[in-house]
Protein backbone atom coordinates (compact mmCIF):
# COMPACT_ATOMS: atom_id res chain seq x y z
CA MET A 1 97.31 -31.41 80.41
CA GLU A 2 97.76 -34.60 78.33
CA TYR A 3 95.49 -36.44 80.72
CA TRP A 4 92.59 -34.04 80.21
CA VAL A 5 93.03 -34.01 76.42
CA VAL A 6 92.85 -37.81 76.30
CA ALA A 7 90.00 -37.92 78.85
CA GLY A 8 88.03 -35.36 76.81
CA LEU A 9 88.53 -37.39 73.64
CA ALA A 10 87.43 -40.58 75.42
CA ALA A 11 84.29 -38.82 76.66
CA PHE A 12 83.55 -37.39 73.18
CA LEU A 13 83.90 -40.82 71.52
CA MET A 14 81.55 -42.31 74.14
CA GLY A 15 79.03 -39.62 73.33
CA LEU A 16 79.35 -40.32 69.64
CA SER A 17 78.48 -43.94 70.28
CA LYS A 18 75.46 -43.01 72.41
CA GLY A 19 74.32 -40.66 69.62
CA GLY A 20 74.27 -43.53 67.09
CA ILE A 21 77.82 -44.05 65.74
CA PRO A 22 78.22 -47.75 66.28
CA MET A 23 80.40 -48.90 69.17
CA ILE A 24 83.15 -46.28 68.81
CA ALA A 25 82.98 -46.01 72.61
CA ILE A 26 85.05 -49.25 72.70
CA LEU A 27 88.10 -46.97 72.39
CA SER A 28 87.25 -45.00 75.55
CA VAL A 29 88.46 -47.39 78.21
CA PRO A 30 91.72 -48.26 76.35
CA LEU A 31 92.45 -44.49 76.01
CA MET A 32 91.93 -43.88 79.73
CA SER A 33 93.99 -46.97 80.53
CA LEU A 34 96.99 -45.05 79.35
CA PHE A 35 96.75 -43.15 82.67
CA MET A 36 95.13 -45.62 85.10
CA GLU A 37 94.17 -49.25 85.66
CA PRO A 38 91.33 -50.42 83.29
CA ALA A 39 88.96 -51.12 86.23
CA GLN A 40 89.46 -47.55 87.47
CA ALA A 41 89.03 -46.24 83.95
CA ALA A 42 85.69 -48.11 83.66
CA GLY A 43 84.62 -46.58 86.98
CA LEU A 44 85.53 -43.06 85.88
CA LEU A 45 83.69 -43.40 82.61
CA LEU A 46 80.51 -44.98 83.96
CA PRO A 47 78.93 -41.71 85.25
CA ILE A 48 79.80 -40.12 81.91
CA TYR A 49 78.10 -43.03 80.13
CA ILE A 50 74.97 -42.35 82.19
CA VAL A 51 74.92 -38.60 81.37
CA ALA A 52 75.20 -39.39 77.63
CA ASP A 53 72.63 -42.20 78.05
CA TRP A 54 69.94 -39.82 79.27
CA TYR A 55 70.63 -37.37 76.49
CA ALA A 56 70.41 -40.22 73.98
CA VAL A 57 67.14 -41.39 75.52
CA PHE A 58 65.74 -37.89 74.89
CA LEU A 59 66.91 -38.05 71.29
CA PHE A 60 65.58 -41.51 70.46
CA ARG A 61 62.66 -41.78 72.91
CA LYS A 62 60.01 -41.87 70.17
CA ALA A 63 60.94 -45.25 68.69
CA PHE A 64 61.86 -48.42 70.52
CA SER A 65 60.82 -52.05 70.92
CA ALA A 66 59.06 -52.46 74.21
CA ARG A 67 58.89 -56.26 73.80
CA ASN A 68 62.62 -56.53 73.43
CA LEU A 69 63.27 -54.40 76.53
CA LYS A 70 60.79 -56.51 78.59
CA ILE A 71 62.68 -59.66 77.64
CA LEU A 72 66.29 -58.39 77.70
CA LEU A 73 66.35 -56.34 80.89
CA PRO A 74 65.52 -59.13 83.41
CA GLY A 75 68.28 -61.18 81.83
CA ALA A 76 70.70 -58.24 82.02
CA LEU A 77 69.98 -57.79 85.74
CA CYS A 78 70.90 -61.47 86.28
CA GLY A 79 74.09 -61.01 84.23
CA ILE A 80 75.12 -57.93 86.24
CA LEU A 81 74.62 -59.81 89.53
CA ILE A 82 76.67 -62.72 88.22
CA GLY A 83 79.36 -60.30 87.20
CA PHE A 84 79.47 -58.67 90.59
CA PHE A 85 79.84 -61.92 92.48
CA ALA A 86 82.08 -63.65 89.97
CA VAL A 87 84.32 -60.80 88.80
CA SER A 88 87.17 -61.93 91.03
CA TYR A 89 86.99 -65.52 89.69
CA VAL A 90 86.36 -64.98 85.99
CA PRO A 91 89.51 -64.21 83.99
CA GLY A 92 89.18 -61.05 81.92
CA ALA A 93 90.63 -62.91 78.93
CA LEU A 94 87.83 -65.43 79.11
CA VAL A 95 85.18 -62.65 78.96
CA LYS A 96 86.97 -61.05 75.99
CA LEU A 97 87.01 -64.40 74.21
CA LEU A 98 83.31 -64.84 74.87
CA VAL A 99 82.39 -61.43 73.55
CA ALA A 100 84.65 -61.81 70.48
CA GLY A 101 83.21 -65.24 69.74
CA ILE A 102 79.64 -63.94 69.88
CA GLY A 103 80.45 -61.12 67.46
CA ILE A 104 82.37 -63.29 65.00
CA SER A 105 79.75 -66.08 64.96
CA TYR A 106 77.03 -63.54 64.13
CA LEU A 107 79.11 -62.00 61.38
CA VAL A 108 80.02 -65.38 59.85
CA ASN A 109 76.38 -66.39 59.77
CA ALA A 110 75.38 -63.02 58.18
CA LEU A 111 78.09 -63.35 55.51
CA ARG A 112 77.12 -66.93 54.78
CA HIS A 113 73.57 -65.80 54.00
CA ARG A 114 74.80 -62.97 51.79
CA PHE A 115 77.20 -65.08 49.73
CA ALA A 116 74.52 -67.74 49.35
CA LYS A 117 72.20 -64.96 48.18
CA VAL A 118 69.67 -66.17 50.74
CA LYS A 119 67.65 -63.50 52.45
CA ALA A 120 67.25 -64.65 56.04
CA PRO A 121 63.79 -64.01 57.42
CA ALA A 122 63.50 -61.62 60.34
CA ARG A 123 63.55 -63.40 63.68
CA THR A 124 61.03 -62.75 66.41
CA ALA A 125 61.87 -61.42 69.87
CA ASP A 126 61.55 -64.74 71.68
CA VAL A 127 61.87 -65.06 75.43
CA PRO A 128 64.44 -67.94 75.90
CA ARG A 129 67.02 -66.42 73.56
CA GLY A 130 66.33 -62.93 74.81
CA LEU A 131 66.93 -63.88 78.45
CA LEU A 132 70.21 -65.61 77.49
CA TRP A 133 71.53 -62.77 75.35
CA GLY A 134 70.36 -60.19 77.88
CA ALA A 135 72.25 -62.01 80.65
CA LEU A 136 75.38 -62.15 78.55
CA ALA A 137 75.08 -58.49 77.68
CA GLY A 138 74.70 -57.61 81.37
CA LEU A 139 77.66 -59.77 82.36
CA THR A 140 80.04 -58.52 79.71
CA SER A 141 78.94 -54.89 80.18
CA TYR A 142 79.60 -55.16 83.92
CA ILE A 143 83.06 -56.69 83.56
CA SER A 144 84.39 -54.85 80.52
CA HIS A 145 81.77 -52.29 79.21
CA ALA A 146 81.37 -54.64 76.24
CA GLY A 147 77.66 -55.51 76.23
CA GLY A 148 77.18 -54.51 72.58
CA PRO A 149 78.01 -57.81 70.77
CA PRO A 150 75.57 -59.97 72.78
CA PHE A 151 72.85 -57.33 72.42
CA GLN A 152 73.44 -57.12 68.67
CA ALA A 153 73.59 -60.91 68.23
CA TYR A 154 69.99 -60.98 69.55
CA VAL A 155 68.54 -57.84 68.05
CA LEU A 156 70.15 -57.49 64.61
CA PRO A 157 68.57 -60.69 63.18
CA GLN A 158 65.14 -59.13 63.93
CA LYS A 159 65.85 -56.51 61.21
CA LEU A 160 64.32 -53.61 63.17
CA ASP A 161 63.92 -50.17 61.73
CA LYS A 162 67.02 -48.06 62.25
CA MET A 163 65.45 -45.64 64.67
CA VAL A 164 63.71 -48.49 66.61
CA TYR A 165 67.07 -50.25 66.86
CA LEU A 166 68.75 -47.06 68.22
CA GLY A 167 65.94 -46.38 70.69
CA THR A 168 65.92 -49.95 71.99
CA ALA A 169 69.74 -50.00 72.35
CA THR A 170 69.75 -46.63 74.05
CA ILE A 171 67.08 -47.49 76.63
CA PHE A 172 68.54 -50.92 77.27
CA PHE A 173 72.05 -49.70 78.00
CA THR A 174 70.78 -46.71 80.02
CA VAL A 175 69.10 -49.11 82.44
CA VAL A 176 72.06 -51.49 82.39
CA ASN A 177 74.51 -48.66 83.27
CA LEU A 178 72.31 -47.46 86.10
CA LEU A 179 72.14 -50.98 87.50
CA LYS A 180 75.96 -51.11 87.46
CA VAL A 181 76.39 -48.03 89.70
CA PRO A 182 75.81 -49.68 93.17
CA PRO A 183 78.26 -52.61 92.52
CA PHE A 184 80.82 -50.23 91.04
CA ILE A 185 80.67 -48.16 94.18
CA LEU A 186 80.93 -51.20 96.42
CA ALA A 187 83.95 -52.34 94.43
CA GLY A 188 85.65 -48.98 94.79
CA GLN A 189 85.66 -48.28 91.07
CA ILE A 190 83.60 -45.12 91.52
CA THR A 191 85.02 -42.71 94.08
CA TRP A 192 84.31 -39.09 94.94
CA GLU A 193 87.48 -38.06 93.05
CA SER A 194 86.54 -39.99 89.92
CA PHE A 195 82.98 -38.65 90.13
CA THR A 196 84.27 -35.06 90.29
CA GLN A 197 86.39 -35.67 87.18
CA ALA A 198 83.41 -37.14 85.42
CA ILE A 199 81.41 -33.94 85.98
CA TRP A 200 84.06 -31.93 84.17
CA LEU A 201 84.12 -34.42 81.25
CA ALA A 202 80.35 -34.69 80.87
CA PRO A 203 80.00 -31.76 78.45
CA MET A 204 82.33 -33.52 75.98
CA ALA A 205 80.15 -36.58 76.17
CA LEU A 206 77.02 -34.52 75.47
CA ALA A 207 78.73 -32.80 72.52
CA GLY A 208 79.61 -36.23 71.15
CA ALA A 209 76.08 -37.51 71.60
CA TRP A 210 74.64 -34.52 69.73
CA SER A 211 77.13 -35.01 66.89
CA GLY A 212 76.49 -38.73 66.71
CA ALA A 213 72.69 -38.23 66.56
CA ALA A 214 73.04 -35.62 63.76
CA ILE A 215 75.14 -38.07 61.73
CA SER A 216 73.05 -41.17 62.39
CA ARG A 217 69.78 -39.47 61.39
CA VAL A 218 71.05 -38.79 57.84
CA LEU A 219 72.77 -42.11 57.27
CA PRO A 220 70.81 -44.45 54.94
CA GLU A 221 69.52 -47.47 56.83
CA ARG A 222 71.58 -49.93 54.80
CA VAL A 223 74.75 -47.93 55.39
CA PHE A 224 73.96 -47.60 59.12
CA PHE A 225 73.65 -51.34 59.68
CA LEU A 226 76.71 -52.05 57.53
CA LEU A 227 78.64 -49.71 59.89
CA VAL A 228 77.25 -51.57 62.85
CA GLU A 229 78.57 -54.89 61.44
CA ILE A 230 81.96 -53.35 60.60
CA ALA A 231 82.22 -51.94 64.10
CA LEU A 232 81.23 -55.34 65.53
CA ALA A 233 84.01 -56.97 63.49
CA ILE A 234 86.60 -54.39 64.65
CA VAL A 235 85.62 -54.88 68.31
CA SER A 236 85.78 -58.67 67.99
CA VAL A 237 89.21 -58.60 66.33
CA LYS A 238 90.48 -56.06 68.90
CA LEU A 239 89.38 -58.30 71.78
CA LEU A 240 91.06 -61.33 70.24
CA TYR A 241 94.24 -59.26 69.77
CA GLU A 242 94.18 -58.28 73.42
CA VAL A 243 93.82 -61.87 74.56
CA ALA A 244 96.65 -63.05 72.28
CA PHE A 245 99.12 -60.18 72.82
CA GLY A 246 97.79 -58.21 75.79
């Protein structure tokens, strides 16, 4: 019984994130890791991610940046392939340090501009940076479901409209998660048993996505992006804590 309560909560939190509550899904894998190995937890949750992804695409389909997607997705595919072939050789702690470093460096730069009272101009969606950040997002998403910080490091400086940001993030991670399915199956992280459990948990993810979308639509844009940055800081500190004490 405890397992299904925790699993339902993990699925609901994942749905909240897909609905637009920034990065709260980072808690899902640690919650499930109370009952199984983290790699198996990631495999169990991936099909639920995909169900919530498609519902989120329906919710935010009317606003997205096609240019960002065209630049980021080829890089993400390369990152996923690198992750698949290198996962046995890349220490998990190194990936966590990389993701945390990306998040913290972005936040430090953002705070520096605010305290200096300098309004940084919006950056353009350029190809070299986009391919690099897309590859990092694909790699870290494959290894630890932590593709958010690299994605945000590239997209947030562009100062997109809130709904355009949500739509772009939703479509990007929907495609990334679909690309992760074949290697997860080959690696034995997705099994028939885990897939059956995911079917039972999917309604909780959909309920979370609906709730998250309802909340995100009424949040003022300034508050929304402040929450994104706070969530990015929490994720970065959490990853550093895991490396130091995990």
